[in-house]
């Protein structure tokens, strides 16, 4: 591998190092341990979502509904803490925290399952299906919250046996936020899934060439359904972590999260066409966005310019990726032409 190709391959890591160096020079507080913990916590939310998005993009799809799924699972959890009116009775049921966690994450997985079925079975476009689900999820969130945030109920009551939510989901084991530990665990599991399991090989194969993978015996439909379930599950986990982070279930929770997740995957070197991308690159991409956003805030850049700069970084990442693909295709074409010329026998001219 040449130096230029190595620099292109490691562009996300180089960008992260450059961002840290620049903002460390501009602000003495940027590398403060407290600020680094804050950055890590915020990055973890996006990174967890991005891991699910990576699975979808590796397959050549897209999931625009993960942000609204975050809000929906937060609203479901909040309502479960508030209590469920049992039909045909005057009683109200207050589930224990572990039940609330399972149900809330299950709602996220269910949203992903519906997306997967519509896309894999009915052959609908992922963009259209998940865009529609974005509106469905956001609408259901508004219905469940009915214009009111759920705050105090999240602490539960000792007499009802539903306390302990914040003690777990807002904790800091070994000084790191619980969201960071969840990110680490999920990143390890995702790496094993993609590198060490048949599912990972099927996913890369179907993303590179779905028809060829199907003819080779890859269960394309099953793979496609499962990746959306994974994305929905990740969104459900983020929903729980976020309501613990802000101590409230709100109607706008998760807005635009899907865009940051897609950006992290793309900056990390994944191809939107599918078949190429890594967990390591995605995590680095999430840190690029997190460190950049935090640095812009610390040095006092206007929020409006923050969006402009972040968008420009994303466009640049996609442009570099495209230039890399063009260069690789041209190099492959030159090598193929050279091999053809080498194998073609030269004919000697015969004298008259």
Protein backbone atom coordinates (compact mmCIF):
# COMPACT_ATOMS: atom_id res chain seq x y z
CA UNK A 1 0.00 0.00 0.00
CA UNK A 2 1.39 3.40 -1.01
CA UNK A 3 1.57 6.38 1.35
CA UNK A 4 -1.20 8.21 -0.52
CA UNK A 5 -3.58 5.25 -0.36
CA UNK A 6 -2.78 4.75 3.33
CA UNK A 7 -3.64 8.38 4.01
CA UNK A 8 -6.93 8.04 2.15
CA UNK A 9 -7.83 4.82 3.96
CA UNK A 10 -7.09 6.39 7.34
CA UNK A 11 -8.73 9.73 6.59
CA UNK A 12 -11.24 9.48 9.45
CA UNK A 13 -8.53 8.90 12.04
CA UNK A 14 -6.38 11.67 10.56
CA UNK A 15 -9.36 14.03 10.64
CA UNK A 16 -9.98 13.15 14.31
CA UNK A 17 -6.35 13.81 15.23
CA UNK A 18 -6.37 17.10 13.33
CA UNK A 19 -9.60 18.25 15.01
CA UNK A 20 -8.27 17.44 18.47
CA UNK A 21 -4.97 19.21 17.77
CA UNK A 22 -6.61 22.38 16.40
CA UNK A 23 -9.16 22.81 19.18
CA UNK A 24 -6.60 21.92 21.86
CA UNK A 25 -4.55 24.88 20.62
CA UNK A 26 -7.59 27.16 20.51
CA UNK A 27 -8.92 26.28 23.98
CA UNK A 28 -7.20 25.21 27.19
CA UNK A 29 -10.40 23.51 28.37
CA UNK A 30 -10.86 21.28 25.33
CA UNK A 31 -8.81 18.37 26.68
CA UNK A 32 -10.00 18.84 30.25
CA UNK A 33 -10.95 15.41 31.69
CA UNK A 34 -14.47 16.59 32.46
CA UNK A 35 -14.97 17.80 28.91
CA UNK A 36 -13.59 14.54 27.49
CA UNK A 37 -16.11 12.58 29.56
CA UNK A 38 -18.90 14.84 28.27
CA UNK A 39 -17.77 14.32 24.67
CA UNK A 40 -17.59 10.56 25.16
CA UNK A 41 -21.11 10.45 26.57
CA UNK A 42 -22.54 12.40 23.64
CA UNK A 43 -20.52 10.41 21.12
CA UNK A 44 -21.77 7.14 22.60
CA UNK A 45 -25.41 7.94 21.77
CA UNK A 46 -24.56 8.60 18.13
CA UNK A 47 -22.11 5.69 17.92
CA UNK A 48 -24.70 3.16 19.15
CA UNK A 49 -27.17 4.38 16.55
CA UNK A 50 -24.41 4.39 13.92
CA UNK A 51 -23.58 0.73 14.61
CA UNK A 52 -27.14 -0.20 13.66
CA UNK A 53 -27.01 2.16 10.69
CA UNK A 54 -23.75 0.53 9.57
CA UNK A 55 -25.51 -2.83 9.23
CA UNK A 56 -28.20 -1.24 7.07
CA UNK A 57 -25.77 0.70 4.88
CA UNK A 58 -23.56 -2.37 4.40
CA UNK A 59 -26.62 -3.94 2.78
CA UNK A 60 -27.07 -0.93 0.51
CA UNK A 61 -30.06 0.38 2.45
CA UNK A 62 -30.86 3.37 4.62
CA UNK A 63 -32.91 3.85 7.80
CA UNK A 64 -34.35 7.31 8.34
CA UNK A 65 -36.63 6.16 11.16
CA UNK A 66 -34.05 5.54 13.91
CA UNK A 67 -34.33 9.08 15.29
CA UNK A 68 -38.10 8.89 15.70
CA UNK A 69 -37.71 5.37 17.12
CA UNK A 70 -35.47 6.86 19.84
CA UNK A 71 -38.25 9.28 20.73
CA UNK A 72 -40.92 6.57 20.58
CA UNK A 73 -39.09 4.19 22.90
CA UNK A 74 -38.48 7.05 25.31
CA UNK A 75 -42.19 7.86 25.30
CA UNK A 76 -43.11 4.19 25.82
CA UNK A 77 -40.73 3.94 28.78
CA UNK A 78 -42.10 7.16 30.26
CA UNK A 79 -45.69 5.93 30.02
CA UNK A 80 -44.76 2.62 31.61
CA UNK A 81 -43.26 4.50 34.56
CA UNK A 82 -46.46 6.54 34.73
CA UNK A 83 -48.49 3.34 34.96
CA UNK A 84 -50.81 1.34 32.73
CA UNK A 85 -54.58 1.42 33.17
CA UNK A 86 -55.77 -2.19 33.09
CA UNK A 87 -58.84 -2.63 30.89
CA UNK A 88 -62.16 -3.51 32.54
CA UNK A 89 -60.73 -2.64 35.96
CA UNK A 90 -59.98 0.39 38.07
CA UNK A 91 -56.41 -0.84 38.66
CA UNK A 92 -53.15 0.69 37.40
CA UNK A 93 -50.14 -1.54 36.78
CA UNK A 94 -46.60 -0.27 37.44
CA UNK A 95 -44.05 -2.62 35.79
CA UNK A 96 -40.62 -3.14 37.29
CA UNK A 97 -37.67 -1.38 35.70
CA UNK A 98 -36.32 -4.47 33.91
CA UNK A 99 -39.76 -5.07 32.36
CA UNK A 100 -39.85 -1.45 31.17
CA UNK A 101 -36.39 -1.82 29.65
CA UNK A 102 -37.32 -5.04 27.80
CA UNK A 103 -40.60 -3.62 26.49
CA UNK A 104 -39.02 -0.33 25.38
CA UNK A 105 -36.14 -1.98 23.53
CA UNK A 106 -38.65 -4.46 22.12
CA UNK A 107 -40.67 -1.59 20.65
CA UNK A 108 -37.53 -0.39 18.86
CA UNK A 109 -36.89 -3.89 17.54
CA UNK A 110 -40.53 -4.13 16.41
CA UNK A 111 -40.25 -0.91 14.42
CA UNK A 112 -37.14 -2.30 12.76
CA UNK A 113 -38.90 -5.61 12.07
CA UNK A 114 -41.77 -3.83 10.31
CA UNK A 115 -39.28 -1.85 8.24
CA UNK A 116 -37.41 -5.05 7.37
CA UNK A 117 -40.53 -6.93 6.34
CA UNK A 118 -41.78 -4.14 4.09
CA UNK A 119 -38.37 -3.75 2.45
CA UNK A 120 -37.40 -7.41 2.11
CA UNK A 121 -40.77 -9.05 1.44
CA UNK A 122 -42.62 -6.36 -0.53
CA UNK A 123 -39.45 -5.05 -2.20
CA UNK A 124 -40.26 -1.46 -1.23
CA UNK A 125 -37.53 1.18 -1.36
CA UNK A 126 -35.78 1.56 2.03
CA UNK A 127 -35.83 5.35 1.71
CA UNK A 128 -39.61 5.47 1.29
CA UNK A 129 -40.40 2.88 3.97
CA UNK A 130 -38.18 4.38 6.64
CA UNK A 131 -39.22 7.94 5.76
CA UNK A 132 -42.83 6.90 6.30
CA UNK A 133 -41.89 5.16 9.55
CA UNK A 134 -40.14 8.34 10.66
CA UNK A 135 -43.47 10.15 10.56
CA UNK A 136 -45.35 7.23 12.13
CA UNK A 137 -42.89 7.02 15.02
CA UNK A 138 -42.88 10.76 15.62
CA UNK A 139 -46.69 10.86 15.51
CA UNK A 140 -47.03 7.98 17.97
CA UNK A 141 -44.58 9.75 20.29
CA UNK A 142 -46.79 12.85 20.26
CA UNK A 143 -49.87 10.72 20.94
CA UNK A 144 -48.27 8.91 23.88
CA UNK A 145 -46.97 12.10 25.48
CA UNK A 146 -50.07 14.15 24.66
CA UNK A 147 -48.08 17.38 24.67
CA UNK A 148 -46.57 16.78 28.11
CA UNK A 149 -43.06 15.77 29.10
CA UNK A 150 -42.68 12.86 31.53
CA UNK A 151 -40.09 13.74 34.16
CA UNK A 152 -40.79 13.00 37.82
CA UNK A 153 -42.38 9.61 37.12
CA UNK A 154 -39.07 8.24 35.79
CA UNK A 155 -37.71 8.02 39.32
CA UNK A 156 -40.42 5.52 40.28
CA UNK A 157 -41.69 4.93 43.79
CA UNK A 158 -40.34 2.59 46.44
CA UNK A 159 -43.79 1.30 47.28
CA UNK A 160 -44.44 0.40 43.63
CA UNK A 161 -41.13 -1.42 43.14
CA UNK A 162 -40.18 0.49 40.01
CA UNK A 163 -37.19 2.49 41.26
CA UNK A 164 -33.57 2.18 40.17
CA UNK A 165 -33.75 3.43 36.59
CA UNK A 166 -31.38 6.35 37.06
CA UNK A 167 -29.10 4.32 39.31
CA UNK A 168 -28.37 2.08 36.29
CA UNK A 169 -28.83 4.20 33.16
CA UNK A 170 -27.30 7.39 34.56
CA UNK A 171 -24.43 5.67 36.38
CA UNK A 172 -20.69 6.09 35.73
CA UNK A 173 -18.83 2.80 36.30
CA UNK A 174 -15.08 3.44 36.63
CA UNK A 175 -15.67 7.11 35.84
CA UNK A 176 -17.16 6.53 32.38
CA UNK A 177 -20.85 7.13 31.58
CA UNK A 178 -22.90 3.95 31.19
CA UNK A 179 -23.57 4.97 27.58
CA UNK A 180 -19.85 4.67 26.83
CA UNK A 181 -19.73 1.15 28.27
CA UNK A 182 -22.79 0.17 26.22
CA UNK A 183 -21.07 1.58 23.13
CA UNK A 184 -17.94 -0.47 23.83
CA UNK A 185 -19.88 -3.70 24.38
CA UNK A 186 -22.03 -3.22 21.28
CA UNK A 187 -18.98 -2.34 19.17
CA UNK A 188 -17.27 -5.57 20.23
CA UNK A 189 -20.41 -7.60 19.49
CA UNK A 190 -20.86 -5.90 16.11
CA UNK A 191 -17.22 -6.59 15.19
CA UNK A 192 -17.61 -10.27 16.07
CA UNK A 193 -20.88 -10.41 14.12
CA UNK A 194 -19.37 -8.89 10.99
CA UNK A 195 -15.96 -10.57 11.04
CA UNK A 196 -16.43 -13.92 12.73
CA UNK A 197 -19.95 -15.04 11.84
CA UNK A 198 -21.64 -16.32 8.66
CA UNK A 199 -24.14 -13.46 9.03
CA UNK A 200 -21.34 -10.94 8.53
CA UNK A 201 -20.15 -12.67 5.37
CA UNK A 202 -23.71 -12.82 4.09
CA UNK A 203 -24.18 -9.12 4.82
CA UNK A 204 -21.06 -8.03 2.95
CA UNK A 205 -21.89 -10.35 0.05
CA UNK A 206 -25.49 -9.18 -0.29
CA UNK A 207 -24.39 -5.54 -0.04
CA UNK A 208 -21.78 -5.95 -2.78
CA UNK A 209 -24.02 -7.83 -5.20
CA UNK A 210 -27.41 -8.94 -3.95
CA UNK A 211 -28.33 -11.04 -6.97
CA UNK A 212 -25.02 -12.91 -7.00
CA UNK A 213 -25.27 -13.49 -3.25
CA UNK A 214 -28.79 -14.88 -3.63
CA UNK A 215 -27.66 -17.26 -6.38
CA UNK A 216 -24.81 -18.38 -4.08
CA UNK A 217 -27.27 -19.46 -1.39
CA UNK A 218 -27.17 -16.39 0.86
CA UNK A 219 -30.54 -15.90 2.65
CA UNK A 220 -30.84 -12.33 1.38
CA UNK A 221 -34.38 -11.74 2.64
CA UNK A 222 -33.58 -12.95 6.15
CA UNK A 223 -30.39 -10.88 6.31
CA UNK A 224 -32.21 -7.75 5.16
CA UNK A 225 -34.94 -8.17 7.78
CA UNK A 226 -32.47 -8.75 10.60
CA UNK A 227 -30.35 -5.69 9.91
CA UNK A 228 -33.36 -3.41 10.35
CA UNK A 229 -34.24 -5.21 13.58
CA UNK A 230 -30.68 -4.54 14.77
CA UNK A 231 -30.99 -0.85 13.82
CA UNK A 232 -34.31 -0.58 15.67
CA UNK A 233 -32.88 -2.32 18.73
CA UNK A 234 -29.96 0.12 18.84
CA UNK A 235 -32.44 2.99 18.62
CA UNK A 236 -34.42 1.54 21.52
CA UNK A 237 -31.28 1.35 23.66
CA UNK A 238 -30.41 4.97 22.84
CA UNK A 239 -33.95 6.03 23.75
CA UNK A 240 -33.55 4.60 27.25
CA UNK A 241 -30.08 6.08 27.69
CA UNK A 242 -31.23 9.48 26.55
CA UNK A 243 -34.24 9.82 28.83
CA UNK A 244 -31.91 8.89 31.69
CA UNK A 245 -29.42 11.49 30.44
CA UNK A 246 -31.92 14.37 30.27
CA UNK A 247 -34.18 13.00 33.06
CA UNK A 248 -37.24 13.39 30.86
CA UNK A 249 -39.20 11.81 28.01
CA UNK A 250 -39.90 14.54 25.46
CA UNK A 251 -41.67 14.70 22.12
CA UNK A 252 -38.62 16.05 20.28
CA UNK A 253 -36.22 13.42 21.58
CA UNK A 254 -34.22 11.87 18.74
CA UNK A 255 -34.86 14.54 16.12
CA UNK A 256 -32.19 14.47 13.38
CA UNK A 257 -30.34 11.63 15.13
CA UNK A 258 -30.58 9.59 11.95
CA UNK A 259 -28.57 12.19 10.04
CA UNK A 260 -25.71 12.13 12.55
CA UNK A 261 -25.71 8.33 12.49
CA UNK A 262 -25.49 8.26 8.69
CA UNK A 263 -22.75 10.88 8.82
CA UNK A 264 -20.69 8.82 11.28
CA UNK A 265 -20.92 5.75 9.04
CA UNK A 266 -19.97 7.69 5.90
CA UNK A 267 -17.11 9.58 7.56
CA UNK A 268 -15.89 6.20 8.83
CA UNK A 269 -15.36 5.05 5.25
CA UNK A 270 -18.50 3.02 4.52
CA UNK A 271 -19.91 3.08 0.99
CA UNK A 272 -23.55 4.16 0.71
CA UNK A 273 -23.87 1.70 -2.17
CA UNK A 274 -23.20 -1.15 0.28
CA UNK A 275 -20.61 -3.87 0.76
CA UNK A 276 -17.90 -1.76 2.39
CA UNK A 277 -17.56 -0.44 5.93
CA UNK A 278 -16.17 -1.36 9.35
CA UNK A 279 -17.13 -1.00 12.99
CA UNK A 280 -13.80 0.69 13.75
CA UNK A 281 -14.35 3.30 11.04
CA UNK A 282 -17.90 3.98 12.22
CA UNK A 283 -16.81 4.55 15.83
CA UNK A 284 -14.04 6.89 14.66
CA UNK A 285 -16.58 8.71 12.49
CA UNK A 286 -18.83 9.23 15.51
CA UNK A 287 -15.89 10.64 17.47
CA UNK A 288 -15.03 12.98 14.58
CA UNK A 289 -18.54 14.45 14.71
CA UNK A 290 -18.54 14.61 18.52
CA UNK A 291 -15.13 16.25 18.91
CA UNK A 292 -15.88 18.68 16.08
CA UNK A 293 -19.26 19.73 17.52
CA UNK A 294 -17.85 20.14 21.03
CA UNK A 295 -14.85 22.12 19.80
CA UNK A 296 -17.04 24.51 17.82
CA UNK A 297 -19.13 25.17 20.94
CA UNK A 298 -16.09 25.74 23.15
CA UNK A 299 -14.50 28.29 20.81
CA UNK A 300 -17.81 30.13 20.52
CA UNK A 301 -18.82 29.40 16.94
CA UNK A 302 -22.44 30.30 16.18
CA UNK A 303 -24.83 27.31 16.19
CA UNK A 304 -25.83 28.18 12.62
CA UNK A 305 -22.21 28.03 11.43
CA UNK A 306 -21.76 24.78 13.35
CA UNK A 307 -24.33 23.16 11.07
CA UNK A 308 -22.64 24.59 7.99
CA UNK A 309 -19.21 23.30 9.05
CA UNK A 310 -20.52 19.86 10.03
CA UNK A 311 -22.33 19.56 6.70
CA UNK A 312 -19.21 20.58 4.81
CA UNK A 313 -17.19 17.89 6.62
CA UNK A 314 -19.76 15.25 5.62
CA UNK A 315 -19.72 16.37 1.97
CA UNK A 316 -15.93 16.33 2.00
CA UNK A 317 -15.90 12.78 3.41
CA UNK A 318 -18.26 11.55 0.67
CA UNK A 319 -16.25 13.38 -2.01
CA UNK A 320 -12.97 11.84 -0.83
CA UNK A 321 -14.61 8.40 -0.77
CA UNK A 322 -15.87 8.88 -4.32
CA UNK A 323 -12.46 10.08 -5.55
CA UNK A 324 -10.90 7.01 -3.93
CA UNK A 325 -13.34 4.70 -5.73
CA UNK A 326 -12.68 6.38 -9.09
CA UNK A 327 -8.92 6.09 -8.59
CA UNK A 328 -9.22 2.41 -7.61
CA UNK A 329 -11.42 1.65 -10.64
CA UNK A 330 -8.99 3.35 -12.98
CA UNK A 331 -6.03 1.50 -11.45
CA UNK A 332 -7.88 -1.80 -11.80
CA UNK A 333 -8.70 -1.01 -15.43
CA UNK A 334 -5.05 -0.20 -16.17
CA UNK A 335 -3.90 -3.45 -14.54
CA UNK A 336 -6.45 -5.45 -16.53
CA UNK A 337 -5.36 -3.79 -19.78
CA UNK A 338 -1.71 -4.48 -18.99
CA UNK A 339 -2.46 -8.15 -18.31
CA UNK A 340 -4.33 -8.45 -21.60
CA UNK A 341 -1.43 -6.90 -23.51
CA UNK A 342 1.03 -9.20 -21.73
CA UNK A 343 -0.95 -12.31 -22.67
CA UNK A 344 -1.51 -11.26 -26.29
CA UNK A 345 1.17 -12.94 -28.48
CA UNK A 346 3.08 -10.68 -30.80
CA UNK A 347 3.01 -11.70 -34.46
CA UNK A 348 6.26 -11.38 -36.39
CA UNK A 349 6.00 -10.01 -39.90
CA UNK A 350 7.10 -12.50 -42.60
CA UNK A 351 9.38 -11.27 -45.41
CA UNK A 352 7.91 -11.13 -48.91
